[in-house]
């Protein structure tokens, strides 16, 4: 039995597939592809499939990651090709690899957010908001809700006006992972609350996942791999 990691993108209409439905879609794709995956033991066996960091509903993902366990001796290249052919529209397999060890944990994520603001100069207003001492928001947890200051967990990489003057693109690096995971929508909500300015979120894309040292997630792994080459 081998551990296999799959890197994939989630775009287009697929952004509206919930995490639970995504798990079902991947399970069906693996079955259609005839890939022999390992099932958990016990009274109610189910396929072992885990995701590195589930993506919020409605968000694009440029390089997401999932893992399953492969039984038998199917070559990684065959598994990659078959899985790429059976994934639903909007889910594209980028890379499949046999991993000999567990990857370093995810600590950061890059996001690209496009917002629409019809009133005033959003960039000047947002920069004034960001210059404040803290950004306190209410975050839901498994134990309820709590107030946290998210500013130390966010780095503004870029802030620019798009071709449509009313649309602004923010590029952010944020804390992510099991220890501390910040949703970028919290930043926009905090801005609206502080500035009393209506802002419409047009799109959110997670463009990268990183571990310690800002290395791309999974870059520390070694093993046989298949990379999807577009025609």
C-alpha atoms as a PDB file:
ATOM      1  CA  UNK A   1       0.000   0.000   0.000  1.00  0.00           C
ATOM      2  CA  UNK A   2       1.373   3.402  -1.025  1.00  0.00           C
ATOM      3  CA  UNK A   3       0.451   6.938  -0.017  1.00  0.00           C
ATOM      4  CA  UNK A   4      -0.398   9.044  -3.062  1.00  0.00           C
ATOM      5  CA  UNK A   5      -0.764  12.824  -3.134  1.00  0.00           C
ATOM      6  CA  UNK A   6      -2.744  14.606  -5.830  1.00  0.00           C
ATOM      7  CA  UNK A   7      -2.386  18.298  -6.621  1.00  0.00           C
ATOM      8  CA  UNK A   8      -5.377  19.759  -8.432  1.00  0.00           C
ATOM      9  CA  UNK A   9      -7.118  23.009  -9.306  1.00  0.00           C
ATOM     10  CA  UNK A  10     -10.748  23.879  -8.630  1.00  0.00           C
ATOM     11  CA  UNK A  11     -12.195  26.544 -10.911  1.00  0.00           C
ATOM     12  CA  UNK A  12     -15.264  27.538 -12.915  1.00  0.00           C
ATOM     13  CA  UNK A  13     -18.560  26.041 -11.816  1.00  0.00           C
ATOM     14  CA  UNK A  14     -16.675  23.612  -9.570  1.00  0.00           C
ATOM     15  CA  UNK A  15     -16.204  26.394  -6.992  1.00  0.00           C
ATOM     16  CA  UNK A  16     -19.815  25.789  -5.963  1.00  0.00           C
ATOM     17  CA  UNK A  17     -19.115  22.149  -5.048  1.00  0.00           C
ATOM     18  CA  UNK A  18     -19.035  21.878  -1.254  1.00  0.00           C
ATOM     19  CA  UNK A  19     -16.197  20.072   0.477  1.00  0.00           C
ATOM     20  CA  UNK A  20     -18.421  17.080   1.245  1.00  0.00           C
ATOM     21  CA  UNK A  21     -19.606  16.867  -2.366  1.00  0.00           C
ATOM     22  CA  UNK A  22     -16.002  17.242  -3.527  1.00  0.00           C
ATOM     23  CA  UNK A  23     -15.062  14.183  -1.491  1.00  0.00           C
ATOM     24  CA  UNK A  24     -17.908  12.267  -3.108  1.00  0.00           C
ATOM     25  CA  UNK A  25     -16.874  13.465  -6.572  1.00  0.00           C
ATOM     26  CA  UNK A  26     -13.267  12.380  -6.032  1.00  0.00           C
ATOM     27  CA  UNK A  27     -14.406   8.991  -4.697  1.00  0.00           C
ATOM     28  CA  UNK A  28     -16.568   8.431  -7.791  1.00  0.00           C
ATOM     29  CA  UNK A  29     -13.754   9.588 -10.088  1.00  0.00           C
ATOM     30  CA  UNK A  30     -11.335   7.103  -8.487  1.00  0.00           C
ATOM     31  CA  UNK A  31     -13.872   4.307  -8.956  1.00  0.00           C
ATOM     32  CA  UNK A  32     -14.536   5.224 -12.603  1.00  0.00           C
ATOM     33  CA  UNK A  33     -10.797   5.303 -13.205  1.00  0.00           C
ATOM     34  CA  UNK A  34     -10.419   1.807 -11.787  1.00  0.00           C
ATOM     35  CA  UNK A  35      -7.778   2.932  -9.315  1.00  0.00           C
ATOM     36  CA  UNK A  36      -7.481   0.411  -6.440  1.00  0.00           C
ATOM     37  CA  UNK A  37      -7.664   2.569  -3.323  1.00  0.00           C
ATOM     38  CA  UNK A  38      -7.499   1.429   0.283  1.00  0.00           C
ATOM     39  CA  UNK A  39     -10.659   1.371   2.411  1.00  0.00           C
ATOM     40  CA  UNK A  40     -10.769   1.830   6.157  1.00  0.00           C
ATOM     41  CA  UNK A  41     -11.410  -1.251   8.240  1.00  0.00           C
ATOM     42  CA  UNK A  42     -14.337  -1.891  10.564  1.00  0.00           C
ATOM     43  CA  UNK A  43     -18.117  -2.093  10.429  1.00  0.00           C
ATOM     44  CA  UNK A  44     -18.554   0.681   7.836  1.00  0.00           C
ATOM     45  CA  UNK A  45     -15.522   0.701   5.478  1.00  0.00           C
ATOM     46  CA  UNK A  46     -15.034   3.855   3.407  1.00  0.00           C
ATOM     47  CA  UNK A  47     -12.269   5.048   1.068  1.00  0.00           C
ATOM     48  CA  UNK A  48      -9.382   6.778   2.779  1.00  0.00           C
ATOM     49  CA  UNK A  49      -9.242  10.244   1.192  1.00  0.00           C
ATOM     50  CA  UNK A  50      -7.971  13.317   3.028  1.00  0.00           C
ATOM     51  CA  UNK A  51      -7.560  16.943   1.942  1.00  0.00           C
ATOM     52  CA  UNK A  52      -4.609  19.056   3.068  1.00  0.00           C
ATOM     53  CA  UNK A  53      -6.725  22.171   3.706  1.00  0.00           C
ATOM     54  CA  UNK A  54     -10.400  22.233   2.646  1.00  0.00           C
ATOM     55  CA  UNK A  55     -11.330  25.181   0.452  1.00  0.00           C
ATOM     56  CA  UNK A  56     -14.252  27.452   1.337  1.00  0.00           C
ATOM     57  CA  UNK A  57     -17.352  27.200  -0.838  1.00  0.00           C
ATOM     58  CA  UNK A  58     -17.225  29.643  -3.744  1.00  0.00           C
ATOM     59  CA  UNK A  59     -13.428  29.998  -3.696  1.00  0.00           C
ATOM     60  CA  UNK A  60     -11.140  29.031  -6.552  1.00  0.00           C
ATOM     61  CA  UNK A  61      -8.111  26.902  -5.760  1.00  0.00           C
ATOM     62  CA  UNK A  62      -5.046  27.018  -8.016  1.00  0.00           C
ATOM     63  CA  UNK A  63      -3.083  24.190  -6.391  1.00  0.00           C
ATOM     64  CA  UNK A  64      -5.071  22.200  -3.854  1.00  0.00           C
ATOM     65  CA  UNK A  65      -4.000  18.865  -2.423  1.00  0.00           C
ATOM     66  CA  UNK A  66      -5.556  15.549  -1.432  1.00  0.00           C
ATOM     67  CA  UNK A  67      -4.177  12.170  -0.416  1.00  0.00           C
ATOM     68  CA  UNK A  68      -5.314   8.572  -0.785  1.00  0.00           C
ATOM     69  CA  UNK A  69      -3.744   5.147  -0.342  1.00  0.00           C
ATOM     70  CA  UNK A  70      -3.085   3.025  -3.400  1.00  0.00           C
ATOM     71  CA  UNK A  71      -3.180  -0.755  -3.252  1.00  0.00           C
ATOM     72  CA  UNK A  72      -1.578  -3.077  -5.783  1.00  0.00           C
ATOM     73  CA  UNK A  73       1.171  -2.206  -8.222  1.00  0.00           C
ATOM     74  CA  UNK A  74      -0.520   0.326 -10.539  1.00  0.00           C
ATOM     75  CA  UNK A  75       2.157   2.777 -11.797  1.00  0.00           C
ATOM     76  CA  UNK A  76       1.748   6.360 -10.625  1.00  0.00           C
ATOM     77  CA  UNK A  77       1.723   7.567 -14.237  1.00  0.00           C
ATOM     78  CA  UNK A  78      -1.253   5.302 -15.034  1.00  0.00           C
ATOM     79  CA  UNK A  79      -3.116   6.436 -11.915  1.00  0.00           C
ATOM     80  CA  UNK A  80      -2.516  10.078 -12.806  1.00  0.00           C
ATOM     81  CA  UNK A  81      -3.704   9.747 -16.402  1.00  0.00           C
ATOM     82  CA  UNK A  82      -6.813   7.763 -15.459  1.00  0.00           C
ATOM     83  CA  UNK A  83      -7.778  10.148 -12.645  1.00  0.00           C
ATOM     84  CA  UNK A  84      -7.267  13.210 -14.850  1.00  0.00           C
ATOM     85  CA  UNK A  85      -9.693  11.724 -17.394  1.00  0.00           C
ATOM     86  CA  UNK A  86     -12.476  11.042 -14.890  1.00  0.00           C
ATOM     87  CA  UNK A  87     -12.508  14.184 -12.725  1.00  0.00           C
ATOM     88  CA  UNK A  88     -15.648  16.361 -13.041  1.00  0.00           C
ATOM     89  CA  UNK A  89     -15.563  19.632 -15.036  1.00  0.00           C
ATOM     90  CA  UNK A  90     -13.667  22.371 -13.228  1.00  0.00           C
ATOM     91  CA  UNK A  91     -11.438  19.942 -11.301  1.00  0.00           C
ATOM     92  CA  UNK A  92      -8.112  19.517 -13.097  1.00  0.00           C
ATOM     93  CA  UNK A  93      -5.446  17.093 -11.918  1.00  0.00           C
ATOM     94  CA  UNK A  94      -2.071  18.858 -12.015  1.00  0.00           C
ATOM     95  CA  UNK A  95       0.283  16.332 -10.465  1.00  0.00           C
ATOM     96  CA  UNK A  96       0.130  12.888  -8.859  1.00  0.00           C
ATOM     97  CA  UNK A  97       2.983  11.519  -6.789  1.00  0.00           C
ATOM     98  CA  UNK A  98       3.848   8.663  -4.495  1.00  0.00           C
ATOM     99  CA  UNK A  99       4.986  10.189  -1.228  1.00  0.00           C
ATOM    100  CA  UNK A 100       7.580   8.449   0.870  1.00  0.00           C
ATOM    101  CA  UNK A 101       7.033  10.712   3.893  1.00  0.00           C
ATOM    102  CA  UNK A 102       4.493  13.146   5.299  1.00  0.00           C
ATOM    103  CA  UNK A 103       4.768  16.711   3.962  1.00  0.00           C
ATOM    104  CA  UNK A 104       5.627  19.594   6.255  1.00  0.00           C
ATOM    105  CA  UNK A 105       2.456  21.229   7.609  1.00  0.00           C
ATOM    106  CA  UNK A 106       0.744  24.140   5.870  1.00  0.00           C
ATOM    107  CA  UNK A 107       1.389  27.453   7.630  1.00  0.00           C
ATOM    108  CA  UNK A 108       0.491  30.113   5.041  1.00  0.00           C
ATOM    109  CA  UNK A 109      -1.702  30.661   1.983  1.00  0.00           C
ATOM    110  CA  UNK A 110      -1.811  33.273  -0.768  1.00  0.00           C
ATOM    111  CA  UNK A 111      -5.169  34.687  -1.846  1.00  0.00           C
ATOM    112  CA  UNK A 112      -6.308  36.921  -4.676  1.00  0.00           C
ATOM    113  CA  UNK A 113      -9.541  38.812  -3.932  1.00  0.00           C
ATOM    114  CA  UNK A 114     -11.470  40.976  -6.373  1.00  0.00           C
ATOM    115  CA  UNK A 115     -13.981  43.392  -4.824  1.00  0.00           C
ATOM    116  CA  UNK A 116     -16.344  45.995  -6.238  1.00  0.00           C
ATOM    117  CA  UNK A 117     -16.834  49.299  -4.475  1.00  0.00           C
ATOM    118  CA  UNK A 118     -19.035  51.917  -6.102  1.00  0.00           C
ATOM    119  CA  UNK A 119     -18.459  54.700  -3.568  1.00  0.00           C
ATOM    120  CA  UNK A 120     -15.269  56.731  -3.112  1.00  0.00           C
ATOM    121  CA  UNK A 121     -11.615  55.776  -3.480  1.00  0.00           C
ATOM    122  CA  UNK A 122     -11.430  52.230  -2.118  1.00  0.00           C
ATOM    123  CA  UNK A 123      -7.638  52.021  -2.193  1.00  0.00           C
ATOM    124  CA  UNK A 124      -7.130  55.188  -0.155  1.00  0.00           C
ATOM    125  CA  UNK A 125      -9.905  54.179   2.233  1.00  0.00           C
ATOM    126  CA  UNK A 126      -8.545  50.655   2.653  1.00  0.00           C
ATOM    127  CA  UNK A 127      -4.985  51.875   3.227  1.00  0.00           C
ATOM    128  CA  UNK A 128      -6.240  54.200   5.970  1.00  0.00           C
ATOM    129  CA  UNK A 129      -8.155  51.288   7.521  1.00  0.00           C
ATOM    130  CA  UNK A 130      -5.076  49.049   7.324  1.00  0.00           C
ATOM    131  CA  UNK A 131      -2.873  51.656   8.986  1.00  0.00           C
ATOM    132  CA  UNK A 132      -4.792  51.216  12.238  1.00  0.00           C
ATOM    133  CA  UNK A 133      -3.310  49.355  15.181  1.00  0.00           C
ATOM    134  CA  UNK A 134      -5.412  46.199  15.009  1.00  0.00           C
ATOM    135  CA  UNK A 135      -8.255  44.482  13.135  1.00  0.00           C
ATOM    136  CA  UNK A 136     -10.463  42.654  15.588  1.00  0.00           C
ATOM    137  CA  UNK A 137     -13.073  40.258  14.195  1.00  0.00           C
ATOM    138  CA  UNK A 138     -15.417  37.631  15.578  1.00  0.00           C
ATOM    139  CA  UNK A 139     -14.321  34.176  14.459  1.00  0.00           C
ATOM    140  CA  UNK A 140     -16.386  31.007  14.748  1.00  0.00           C
ATOM    141  CA  UNK A 141     -14.668  28.027  16.346  1.00  0.00           C
ATOM    142  CA  UNK A 142     -15.726  24.530  17.380  1.00  0.00           C
ATOM    143  CA  UNK A 143     -16.256  25.881  20.893  1.00  0.00           C
ATOM    144  CA  UNK A 144     -18.296  28.890  19.841  1.00  0.00           C
ATOM    145  CA  UNK A 145     -17.112  32.369  18.853  1.00  0.00           C
ATOM    146  CA  UNK A 146     -14.227  34.525  19.972  1.00  0.00           C
ATOM    147  CA  UNK A 147     -12.697  37.856  19.093  1.00  0.00           C
ATOM    148  CA  UNK A 148      -9.241  37.823  17.524  1.00  0.00           C
ATOM    149  CA  UNK A 149      -6.896  40.366  15.991  1.00  0.00           C
ATOM    150  CA  UNK A 150      -6.210  39.120  12.476  1.00  0.00           C
ATOM    151  CA  UNK A 151      -3.812  41.872  11.400  1.00  0.00           C
ATOM    152  CA  UNK A 152      -0.629  40.042  12.561  1.00  0.00           C
ATOM    153  CA  UNK A 153      -1.696  37.078  10.397  1.00  0.00           C
ATOM    154  CA  UNK A 154      -2.096  39.048   7.155  1.00  0.00           C
ATOM    155  CA  UNK A 155       0.424  40.529   4.764  1.00  0.00           C
ATOM    156  CA  UNK A 156      -0.784  42.797   1.947  1.00  0.00           C
ATOM    157  CA  UNK A 157       1.233  41.841  -1.135  1.00  0.00           C
ATOM    158  CA  UNK A 158      -0.526  44.055  -3.691  1.00  0.00           C
ATOM    159  CA  UNK A 159      -3.506  46.383  -3.986  1.00  0.00           C
ATOM    160  CA  UNK A 160      -4.458  47.681  -7.424  1.00  0.00           C
ATOM    161  CA  UNK A 161      -7.315  48.934  -9.568  1.00  0.00           C
ATOM    162  CA  UNK A 162      -8.434  46.606 -12.357  1.00  0.00           C
ATOM    163  CA  UNK A 163      -9.604  47.552 -15.868  1.00  0.00           C
ATOM    164  CA  UNK A 164     -13.037  48.205 -14.419  1.00  0.00           C
ATOM    165  CA  UNK A 165     -12.324  51.225 -12.194  1.00  0.00           C
ATOM    166  CA  UNK A 166     -14.845  50.035  -9.613  1.00  0.00           C
ATOM    167  CA  UNK A 167     -13.080  46.682  -9.151  1.00  0.00           C
ATOM    168  CA  UNK A 168     -10.030  46.337  -6.935  1.00  0.00           C
ATOM    169  CA  UNK A 169      -7.680  43.358  -6.643  1.00  0.00           C
ATOM    170  CA  UNK A 170      -6.055  42.515  -3.324  1.00  0.00           C
ATOM    171  CA  UNK A 171      -3.266  39.961  -3.083  1.00  0.00           C
ATOM    172  CA  UNK A 172      -2.717  38.637   0.452  1.00  0.00           C
ATOM    173  CA  UNK A 173      -0.556  36.187   2.320  1.00  0.00           C
ATOM    174  CA  UNK A 174      -2.347  34.817   5.400  1.00  0.00           C
ATOM    175  CA  UNK A 175      -1.843  32.332   8.191  1.00  0.00           C
ATOM    176  CA  UNK A 176      -3.348  28.982   7.233  1.00  0.00           C
ATOM    177  CA  UNK A 177      -3.431  25.372   8.338  1.00  0.00           C
ATOM    178  CA  UNK A 178      -4.683  23.389  11.304  1.00  0.00           C
ATOM    179  CA  UNK A 179      -3.132  25.649  13.947  1.00  0.00           C
ATOM    180  CA  UNK A 180      -4.421  28.993  12.657  1.00  0.00           C
ATOM    181  CA  UNK A 181      -6.520  29.431   9.533  1.00  0.00           C
ATOM    182  CA  UNK A 182      -7.764  32.892   8.564  1.00  0.00           C
ATOM    183  CA  UNK A 183     -10.522  33.304   5.966  1.00  0.00           C
ATOM    184  CA  UNK A 184      -9.811  36.366   3.766  1.00  0.00           C
ATOM    185  CA  UNK A 185     -13.495  37.293   3.837  1.00  0.00           C
ATOM    186  CA  UNK A 186     -12.986  38.314   7.482  1.00  0.00           C
ATOM    187  CA  UNK A 187     -10.732  41.151   6.338  1.00  0.00           C
ATOM    188  CA  UNK A 188     -13.341  42.530   3.948  1.00  0.00           C
ATOM    189  CA  UNK A 189     -16.061  42.215   6.586  1.00  0.00           C
ATOM    190  CA  UNK A 190     -13.887  44.095   9.076  1.00  0.00           C
ATOM    191  CA  UNK A 191     -13.270  46.871   6.541  1.00  0.00           C
ATOM    192  CA  UNK A 192     -16.985  47.257   5.833  1.00  0.00           C
ATOM    193  CA  UNK A 193     -17.774  47.391   9.546  1.00  0.00           C
ATOM    194  CA  UNK A 194     -15.100  49.976  10.292  1.00  0.00           C
ATOM    195  CA  UNK A 195     -15.646  52.214   7.269  1.00  0.00           C
ATOM    196  CA  UNK A 196     -19.384  51.710   6.774  1.00  0.00           C
ATOM    197  CA  UNK A 197     -18.703  51.231   3.071  1.00  0.00           C
ATOM    198  CA  UNK A 198     -20.566  48.520   1.129  1.00  0.00           C
ATOM    199  CA  UNK A 199     -18.175  46.216  -0.724  1.00  0.00           C
ATOM    200  CA  UNK A 200     -19.113  43.312  -2.989  1.00  0.00           C
ATOM    201  CA  UNK A 201     -16.738  40.375  -3.152  1.00  0.00           C
ATOM    202  CA  UNK A 202     -16.557  39.357  -6.827  1.00  0.00           C
ATOM    203  CA  UNK A 203     -14.157  36.433  -6.500  1.00  0.00           C
ATOM    204  CA  UNK A 204     -11.686  34.801  -4.139  1.00  0.00           C
ATOM    205  CA  UNK A 205      -8.894  32.494  -5.285  1.00  0.00           C
ATOM    206  CA  UNK A 206      -6.388  30.618  -3.163  1.00  0.00           C
ATOM    207  CA  UNK A 207      -3.288  30.759  -5.330  1.00  0.00           C
ATOM    208  CA  UNK A 208      -0.737  28.951  -3.190  1.00  0.00           C
ATOM    209  CA  UNK A 209      -0.138  26.937  -0.020  1.00  0.00           C
ATOM    210  CA  UNK A 210       3.151  27.142   1.880  1.00  0.00           C
ATOM    211  CA  UNK A 211       4.927  25.441   4.731  1.00  0.00           C
ATOM    212  CA  UNK A 212       7.669  26.694   7.011  1.00  0.00           C
ATOM    213  CA  UNK A 213      10.186  28.884   5.202  1.00  0.00           C
ATOM    214  CA  UNK A 214       7.548  29.834   2.607  1.00  0.00           C
ATOM    215  CA  UNK A 215       8.330  26.728   0.559  1.00  0.00           C
ATOM    216  CA  UNK A 216       5.387  25.592  -1.620  1.00  0.00           C
ATOM    217  CA  UNK A 217       3.401  22.896   0.136  1.00  0.00           C
ATOM    218  CA  UNK A 218       4.595  19.448  -0.904  1.00  0.00           C
ATOM    219  CA  UNK A 219       7.876  20.661  -2.379  1.00  0.00           C
ATOM    220  CA  UNK A 220       9.726  18.684   0.302  1.00  0.00           C
ATOM    221  CA  UNK A 221       8.271  15.381  -0.909  1.00  0.00           C
ATOM    222  CA  UNK A 222      10.123  12.859  -3.013  1.00  0.00           C
ATOM    223  CA  UNK A 223       8.848   9.878  -4.964  1.00  0.00           C
ATOM    224  CA  UNK A 224       7.601   8.682  -8.321  1.00  0.00           C
ATOM    225  CA  UNK A 225       5.410  11.348  -9.900  1.00  0.00           C
ATOM    226  CA  UNK A 226       3.244  12.152 -12.920  1.00  0.00           C
ATOM    227  CA  UNK A 227       2.767  15.730 -14.099  1.00  0.00           C
ATOM    228  CA  UNK A 228      -0.110  16.677 -16.344  1.00  0.00           C
ATOM    229  CA  UNK A 229       1.198  18.181 -19.574  1.00  0.00           C
ATOM    230  CA  UNK A 230      -1.397  20.238 -21.410  1.00  0.00           C
ATOM    231  CA  UNK A 231      -1.635  19.650 -25.146  1.00  0.00           C
END
